[in-house]
Amino acid sequence: MEESKSYEPLQAPYEDESKTYIKSFLISCSSEIRSFFLKYGFVVVSDVLTTEECLQSIVEVYQDLKDNSFGKFDPTLENYDKVDQFVKRFGLVGGGHAVILPQSVHNRQNENIYKAYKFATGNDFFLSAFERYGFMVPTKKAPEIETIKNWLHIDYNPLTGKTSTFGYLPSELHNKLNHKNPLVWQNAYFQGIVALDDCPMEVGGFHCVPGFHVFCEEWKNQNENHCLNSARGHDPTTVQIPKDDEVRKFIQKMPIRKGSILIWDGRMAHGNFPNSSDKPRLLQYIKYNAVGQNISSNVCSLMTSSEEELEVLKKIGITELGKKLFGLEKWFPEQVIKENNVGDN
């Protein structure tokens, strides 16, 4: 009988000895971006958004917060106790709605963000999710609503192949997947956060277990019953890492600079850690799913598919790249899609 393997600890490098920010790369460093991503399961690409794009996004974060808190939250009063319950617990704005505000849409079709995903993942063709903004409350002024601690999960069930469909529509294939009919990992599902302001360590934020993406299949073999229970639970697309799991010892915090994107492999164990500062943590979630030859996509875009929402998108202005990222146009001719079993079905 083959002996089960242990996770081999990895520590990702910081910019310098102060550990203020995790190491990042310029968009021009395509080979370095790819190598880092393959090794650690995540990578940070700097300066994908301009200062103006970040500022306009922040305006939308507060608009979104007010809408989701039913007008009770007022940033000028800093009455953080009035924010939506989902913000208080996870730092995520809104429990289940997609954001279709102008700058959020422009950011999803941003050429730099597309290139960052392309270089990191080795793919050229993607579908973008219509996801949410993130807002982590500063606990110096509201210690009673500190976000959940030690949150560690995978937005992918390695037993079935189902992935988180928040911000997407689940495809026909996705709905058929189960532990008896799994989808083997196809280098297709990726997630990302864009920092709209500087997110140093004290502001809280993203943490993960570097290199877990390589260990994920072995972890599944060691935790098959846990994955099966998750697959049968209320959310079959997410697996929570047990509180006593050894990999928790190797969680690393990932502080990033304004305008940067942190992209991670869908198999990564990750989560948030609380904000202990006196300023909020502000970001946008931008998630891409690869499509291409020999990749069967188990999600569909557009999540926002009503006529009313499509009219909003048209008024915002969709680029040629955006049309493909949002599933409004095909990346491939129909004949190629049929021959290679690719696309959004």
Protein backbone atom coordinates (compact mmCIF):
# COMPACT_ATOMS: atom_id res chain seq x y z
CA MET A 1 0.00 0.00 0.00
CA GLU A 2 1.37 3.39 -1.02
CA GLU A 3 2.19 5.67 1.91
CA SER A 4 0.25 8.94 1.97
CA LYS A 5 2.33 12.05 1.33
CA SER A 6 2.53 15.14 3.52
CA TYR A 7 2.27 18.73 2.38
CA GLU A 8 5.73 20.15 1.71
CA PRO A 9 5.83 23.63 3.31
CA LEU A 10 6.54 26.63 1.09
CA GLN A 11 7.13 30.24 2.16
CA ALA A 12 6.53 32.78 -0.60
CA PRO A 13 8.97 35.72 -0.69
CA TYR A 14 8.12 39.27 0.37
CA GLU A 15 9.42 42.44 -1.29
CA ASP A 16 11.92 43.00 1.51
CA GLU A 17 12.77 42.05 5.10
CA SER A 18 10.03 44.29 6.51
CA LYS A 19 7.43 41.93 4.96
CA THR A 20 5.17 44.91 4.22
CA TYR A 21 4.10 43.46 0.86
CA ILE A 22 4.38 40.09 -0.86
CA LYS A 23 6.66 39.93 -3.91
CA SER A 24 5.04 41.21 -7.11
CA PHE A 25 5.87 41.46 -10.80
CA LEU A 26 5.32 44.02 -13.54
CA ILE A 27 3.05 42.94 -16.40
CA SER A 28 6.11 42.90 -18.69
CA CYS A 29 7.64 39.99 -16.69
CA SER A 30 5.54 37.27 -18.33
CA SER A 31 7.91 34.32 -17.79
CA GLU A 32 8.57 35.25 -14.14
CA ILE A 33 4.82 35.57 -13.53
CA ARG A 34 4.24 32.09 -14.94
CA SER A 35 7.10 30.44 -13.03
CA PHE A 36 6.04 31.95 -9.70
CA PHE A 37 2.41 30.94 -10.25
CA LEU A 38 3.33 27.35 -11.06
CA LYS A 39 5.47 27.03 -7.94
CA TYR A 40 3.36 28.81 -5.32
CA GLY A 41 -0.16 28.56 -6.77
CA PHE A 42 -0.65 32.33 -6.73
CA VAL A 43 1.07 35.42 -8.10
CA VAL A 44 0.79 39.21 -7.66
CA VAL A 45 0.99 41.46 -10.72
CA SER A 46 1.39 45.17 -9.94
CA ASP A 47 -0.09 48.30 -11.50
CA VAL A 48 -2.89 46.65 -13.47
CA LEU A 49 -5.24 49.53 -12.52
CA THR A 50 -4.44 53.24 -12.52
CA THR A 51 -4.96 55.48 -9.50
CA GLU A 52 -8.03 56.98 -11.18
CA GLU A 53 -9.51 53.52 -11.87
CA CYS A 54 -8.94 52.56 -8.24
CA LEU A 55 -10.59 55.75 -6.96
CA GLN A 56 -13.64 55.30 -9.18
CA SER A 57 -13.90 51.67 -8.04
CA ILE A 58 -13.85 52.80 -4.39
CA VAL A 59 -16.78 55.14 -5.10
CA GLU A 60 -18.68 52.09 -6.35
CA VAL A 61 -17.70 50.03 -3.28
CA TYR A 62 -19.41 52.57 -1.03
CA GLN A 63 -22.41 52.74 -3.34
CA ASP A 64 -22.65 48.95 -3.27
CA LEU A 65 -22.26 48.89 0.52
CA LYS A 66 -25.05 51.40 0.98
CA ASP A 67 -27.35 49.47 -1.35
CA ASN A 68 -26.70 46.18 0.46
CA SER A 69 -27.05 47.72 3.90
CA PHE A 70 -30.43 49.20 2.90
CA GLY A 71 -29.08 52.74 3.21
CA LYS A 72 -28.14 52.32 6.87
CA PHE A 73 -24.38 52.53 6.33
CA ASP A 74 -22.88 56.00 5.95
CA PRO A 75 -19.11 56.15 5.29
CA THR A 76 -18.96 59.75 6.59
CA LEU A 77 -20.26 58.52 9.95
CA GLU A 78 -18.13 55.37 9.88
CA ASN A 79 -21.05 53.47 11.41
CA TYR A 80 -19.60 50.07 10.53
CA ASP A 81 -22.10 48.25 12.74
CA LYS A 82 -24.73 49.10 10.10
CA VAL A 83 -23.10 47.19 7.24
CA ASP A 84 -24.59 44.03 5.76
CA GLN A 85 -24.14 40.82 7.81
CA PHE A 86 -22.12 39.20 5.01
CA VAL A 87 -19.63 42.08 5.21
CA LYS A 88 -19.36 41.67 8.97
CA ARG A 89 -18.63 37.96 8.72
CA PHE A 90 -16.54 37.59 5.57
CA GLY A 91 -15.64 41.06 4.27
CA LEU A 92 -17.66 40.38 1.10
CA VAL A 93 -20.21 42.96 -0.03
CA GLY A 94 -23.60 41.34 -0.47
CA GLY A 95 -24.47 37.69 0.03
CA GLY A 96 -25.47 36.78 -3.51
CA HIS A 97 -25.74 39.60 -6.02
CA ALA A 98 -23.51 40.36 -8.98
CA VAL A 99 -22.09 43.87 -9.37
CA ILE A 100 -22.83 45.61 -12.67
CA LEU A 101 -21.55 49.09 -11.89
CA PRO A 102 -19.59 50.86 -14.67
CA GLN A 103 -16.05 50.75 -13.27
CA SER A 104 -16.46 47.18 -12.04
CA VAL A 105 -17.33 46.15 -15.61
CA HIS A 106 -14.42 48.10 -17.10
CA ASN A 107 -12.04 46.45 -14.64
CA ARG A 108 -13.19 42.96 -15.68
CA GLN A 109 -12.41 43.72 -19.33
CA ASN A 110 -9.19 45.59 -18.52
CA GLU A 111 -6.36 44.55 -20.88
CA ASN A 112 -3.78 44.44 -18.07
CA ILE A 113 -5.94 42.15 -15.97
CA TYR A 114 -6.55 39.90 -18.97
CA LYS A 115 -2.79 39.75 -19.63
CA ALA A 116 -2.05 39.01 -15.96
CA TYR A 117 -4.38 36.00 -16.11
CA LYS A 118 -2.98 34.95 -19.48
CA PHE A 119 0.65 35.04 -18.32
CA ALA A 120 -0.05 33.43 -14.93
CA THR A 121 -2.19 30.54 -16.14
CA GLY A 122 -0.80 29.86 -19.61
CA ASN A 123 -4.26 30.26 -21.17
CA ASP A 124 -5.48 32.73 -23.79
CA PHE A 125 -9.27 32.41 -23.64
CA PHE A 126 -11.47 33.02 -20.58
CA LEU A 127 -14.94 33.69 -19.27
CA SER A 128 -15.18 36.37 -16.60
CA ALA A 129 -17.47 36.09 -13.59
CA PHE A 130 -19.68 39.00 -12.56
CA GLU A 131 -18.52 39.10 -8.98
CA ARG A 132 -18.57 41.44 -6.01
CA TYR A 133 -16.57 44.06 -4.21
CA GLY A 134 -14.82 43.38 -0.90
CA PHE A 135 -14.83 45.59 2.20
CA MET A 136 -13.15 44.54 5.43
CA VAL A 137 -14.12 46.74 8.37
CA PRO A 138 -11.38 48.40 10.46
CA THR A 139 -11.72 46.76 13.88
CA LYS A 140 -9.99 49.49 15.89
CA LYS A 141 -13.27 51.39 15.64
CA ALA A 142 -15.57 48.36 15.65
CA PRO A 143 -13.94 45.40 17.44
CA GLU A 144 -17.31 43.72 17.89
CA ILE A 145 -17.67 43.08 14.15
CA GLU A 146 -14.25 41.63 13.38
CA THR A 147 -14.51 39.26 10.40
CA ILE A 148 -14.16 35.50 10.79
CA LYS A 149 -10.70 34.34 11.90
CA ASN A 150 -8.65 31.47 10.43
CA TRP A 151 -11.04 31.04 7.48
CA LEU A 152 -9.51 28.45 5.15
CA HIS A 153 -11.34 26.76 2.30
CA ILE A 154 -11.14 25.65 -1.35
CA ASP A 155 -13.70 26.99 -3.85
CA TYR A 156 -13.45 23.67 -5.66
CA ASN A 157 -14.38 20.16 -4.60
CA PRO A 158 -11.52 17.87 -5.72
CA LEU A 159 -13.79 14.83 -5.36
CA THR A 160 -16.32 16.02 -7.96
CA GLY A 161 -14.60 18.81 -9.86
CA LYS A 162 -17.40 21.27 -9.10
CA THR A 163 -16.22 24.84 -8.68
CA SER A 164 -17.77 27.94 -7.16
CA THR A 165 -20.31 29.38 -9.58
CA PHE A 166 -20.85 32.66 -7.75
CA GLY A 167 -20.60 35.30 -10.45
CA TYR A 168 -21.17 32.70 -13.17
CA LEU A 169 -24.05 30.49 -14.24
CA PRO A 170 -23.43 26.76 -13.70
CA SER A 171 -23.22 24.93 -17.01
CA GLU A 172 -25.00 21.74 -18.01
CA LEU A 173 -21.76 19.88 -17.34
CA HIS A 174 -21.39 21.41 -13.89
CA ASN A 175 -24.87 20.31 -12.86
CA LYS A 176 -24.10 16.70 -13.82
CA LEU A 177 -20.88 16.39 -11.80
CA ASN A 178 -20.73 14.23 -8.67
CA HIS A 179 -18.24 11.93 -6.94
CA LYS A 180 -19.21 9.07 -9.26
CA ASN A 181 -18.88 11.27 -12.33
CA PRO A 182 -16.08 13.72 -11.48
CA LEU A 183 -14.37 16.28 -13.68
CA VAL A 184 -10.60 15.91 -13.42
CA TRP A 185 -8.80 19.24 -12.87
CA GLN A 186 -8.25 20.90 -16.24
CA ASN A 187 -6.27 24.03 -15.41
CA ALA A 188 -9.44 26.01 -15.96
CA TYR A 189 -10.62 27.69 -12.76
CA PHE A 190 -8.86 30.74 -11.32
CA GLN A 191 -9.69 33.50 -8.87
CA GLY A 192 -8.33 36.97 -8.23
CA ILE A 193 -8.54 40.08 -6.08
CA VAL A 194 -7.60 43.60 -7.14
CA ALA A 195 -6.46 45.96 -4.37
CA LEU A 196 -8.23 49.33 -4.71
CA ASP A 197 -6.06 50.83 -1.97
CA ASP A 198 -2.88 49.65 -0.27
CA CYS A 199 -3.53 46.48 1.72
CA PRO A 200 -0.60 46.07 4.15
CA MET A 201 -0.63 43.34 6.79
CA GLU A 202 -2.59 45.31 9.41
CA VAL A 203 -5.45 46.02 6.97
CA GLY A 204 -6.19 42.31 6.81
CA GLY A 205 -6.92 40.33 3.72
CA PHE A 206 -5.96 37.32 1.69
CA HIS A 207 -4.06 34.36 3.11
CA CYS A 208 -3.34 30.94 1.66
CA VAL A 209 -1.18 27.82 1.95
CA PRO A 210 1.49 28.31 -0.75
CA GLY A 211 1.88 25.28 -2.98
CA PHE A 212 -1.34 23.64 -1.82
CA HIS A 213 -2.52 23.40 -5.44
CA VAL A 214 0.13 20.69 -6.01
CA PHE A 215 -0.93 18.86 -2.84
CA CYS A 216 -4.69 19.16 -3.44
CA GLU A 217 -5.17 15.76 -5.09
CA GLU A 218 -3.28 14.00 -2.29
CA TRP A 219 -5.27 15.99 0.27
CA LYS A 220 -8.48 14.77 -1.39
CA ASN A 221 -7.30 11.15 -1.08
CA GLN A 222 -6.64 11.69 2.63
CA ASN A 223 -9.96 13.51 3.20
CA GLU A 224 -12.36 11.74 0.85
CA ASN A 225 -15.22 11.46 3.35
CA HIS A 226 -14.91 15.15 4.22
CA CYS A 227 -15.06 16.07 0.51
CA LEU A 228 -18.05 13.76 0.04
CA ASN A 229 -19.90 15.40 2.93
CA SER A 230 -19.17 18.80 1.42
CA ALA A 231 -20.44 17.61 -1.97
CA ARG A 232 -23.71 16.58 -0.30
CA GLY A 233 -23.98 19.71 1.83
CA HIS A 234 -25.60 23.09 1.23
CA ASP A 235 -22.68 24.26 -0.94
CA PRO A 236 -21.25 21.44 -3.10
CA THR A 237 -18.73 23.80 -4.71
CA THR A 238 -16.72 24.68 -1.59
CA VAL A 239 -14.73 22.57 0.87
CA GLN A 240 -13.85 24.01 4.28
CA ILE A 241 -10.46 22.88 5.62
CA PRO A 242 -10.99 21.15 9.00
CA LYS A 243 -9.87 23.12 12.06
CA ASP A 244 -7.37 20.45 13.10
CA ASP A 245 -5.78 20.00 9.65
CA GLU A 246 -1.96 20.16 9.69
CA VAL A 247 -1.82 22.46 6.64
CA ARG A 248 -3.21 25.30 8.75
CA LYS A 249 0.23 25.64 10.32
CA PHE A 250 1.54 26.90 6.98
CA ILE A 251 -0.97 29.67 6.24
CA GLN A 252 0.80 32.78 4.93
CA LYS A 253 -0.62 36.31 4.80
CA MET A 254 -0.45 38.14 1.47
CA PRO A 255 -0.38 41.97 1.76
CA ILE A 256 -0.55 43.71 -1.64
CA ARG A 257 -0.27 47.25 -3.04
CA LYS A 258 -2.97 49.44 -4.58
CA GLY A 259 -3.67 48.64 -8.23
CA SER A 260 -2.25 45.10 -7.99
CA ILE A 261 -4.02 41.85 -8.78
CA LEU A 262 -3.43 38.64 -6.84
CA ILE A 263 -4.40 35.60 -8.94
CA TRP A 264 -4.63 32.11 -7.45
CA ASP A 265 -5.16 28.58 -8.68
CA GLY A 266 -8.68 27.26 -7.98
CA ARG A 267 -7.24 24.33 -5.99
CA MET A 268 -5.60 26.62 -3.42
CA ALA A 269 -6.62 26.52 0.24
CA HIS A 270 -7.23 30.19 0.99
CA GLY A 271 -9.31 32.67 2.98
CA ASN A 272 -9.28 36.07 4.70
CA PHE A 273 -7.78 37.31 7.94
CA PRO A 274 -9.28 40.24 9.91
CA ASN A 275 -8.47 43.93 9.59
CA SER A 276 -6.83 45.28 12.77
CA SER A 277 -6.24 48.81 11.46
CA ASP A 278 -8.23 52.06 11.49
CA LYS A 279 -8.89 52.04 7.71
CA PRO A 280 -11.04 49.68 5.60
CA ARG A 281 -9.67 47.10 3.20
CA LEU A 282 -11.08 47.73 -0.28
CA LEU A 283 -10.88 45.41 -3.27
CA GLN A 284 -12.68 43.87 -6.23
CA TYR A 285 -12.98 40.13 -6.88
CA ILE A 286 -12.26 39.30 -10.52
CA LYS A 287 -12.52 35.63 -11.42
CA TYR A 288 -11.66 34.07 -14.81
CA ASN A 289 -12.41 30.55 -16.05
CA ALA A 290 -10.34 29.25 -18.97
CA VAL A 291 -11.89 27.87 -22.13
CA GLY A 292 -9.98 26.31 -25.01
CA GLN A 293 -8.94 23.10 -26.68
CA ASN A 294 -9.50 20.09 -24.41
CA ILE A 295 -10.94 22.27 -21.64
CA SER A 296 -14.56 21.52 -20.82
CA SER A 297 -15.86 24.61 -19.01
CA ASN A 298 -18.24 23.82 -16.17
CA VAL A 299 -19.47 27.40 -15.84
CA CYS A 300 -21.26 29.81 -18.15
CA SER A 301 -21.04 33.54 -18.47
CA LEU A 302 -23.07 35.75 -18.46
CA MET A 303 -24.48 35.38 -14.96
CA THR A 304 -26.36 38.60 -15.64
CA SER A 305 -28.47 37.44 -18.54
CA SER A 306 -31.73 39.39 -18.29
CA GLU A 307 -32.58 41.88 -21.02
CA GLU A 308 -32.49 44.72 -18.50
CA GLU A 309 -28.99 43.80 -17.34
CA LEU A 310 -27.73 43.42 -20.89
CA GLU A 311 -29.02 46.91 -21.65
CA VAL A 312 -27.06 48.25 -18.68
CA LEU A 313 -23.91 46.58 -20.03
CA LYS A 314 -24.45 48.10 -23.47
CA LYS A 315 -24.73 51.58 -21.93
CA ILE A 316 -21.54 51.05 -19.94
CA GLY A 317 -19.68 50.08 -23.11
CA ILE A 318 -18.26 46.64 -23.82
CA THR A 319 -14.94 46.26 -25.65
CA GLU A 320 -14.18 43.55 -28.21
CA LEU A 321 -12.27 41.71 -25.48
CA GLY A 322 -15.13 42.20 -23.04
CA LYS A 323 -17.66 40.69 -25.44
CA LYS A 324 -15.72 37.43 -25.35
CA LEU A 325 -14.90 37.55 -21.64
CA PHE A 326 -18.58 38.09 -20.81
CA GLY A 327 -19.83 35.34 -23.11
CA LEU A 328 -21.58 37.73 -25.49
CA GLU A 329 -19.46 36.46 -28.37
CA LYS A 330 -17.65 33.16 -28.89
CA TRP A 331 -13.87 32.92 -28.73
CA PHE A 332 -14.05 30.22 -31.43
CA PRO A 333 -16.14 29.52 -34.53
CA GLU A 334 -19.02 27.11 -33.88
CA GLN A 335 -17.36 24.29 -35.85
CA VAL A 336 -14.22 24.50 -33.70
CA ILE A 337 -16.35 24.44 -30.54
CA LYS A 338 -18.08 21.24 -31.64
CA GLU A 339 -14.86 19.52 -32.68
CA ASN A 340 -12.93 20.33 -29.52
CA ASN A 341 -15.73 20.27 -26.94
CA VAL A 342 -14.98 23.78 -25.77
CA GLY A 343 -17.02 26.85 -25.02
CA ASP A 344 -19.54 27.67 -22.34
CA ASN A 345 -21.81 24.63 -22.44
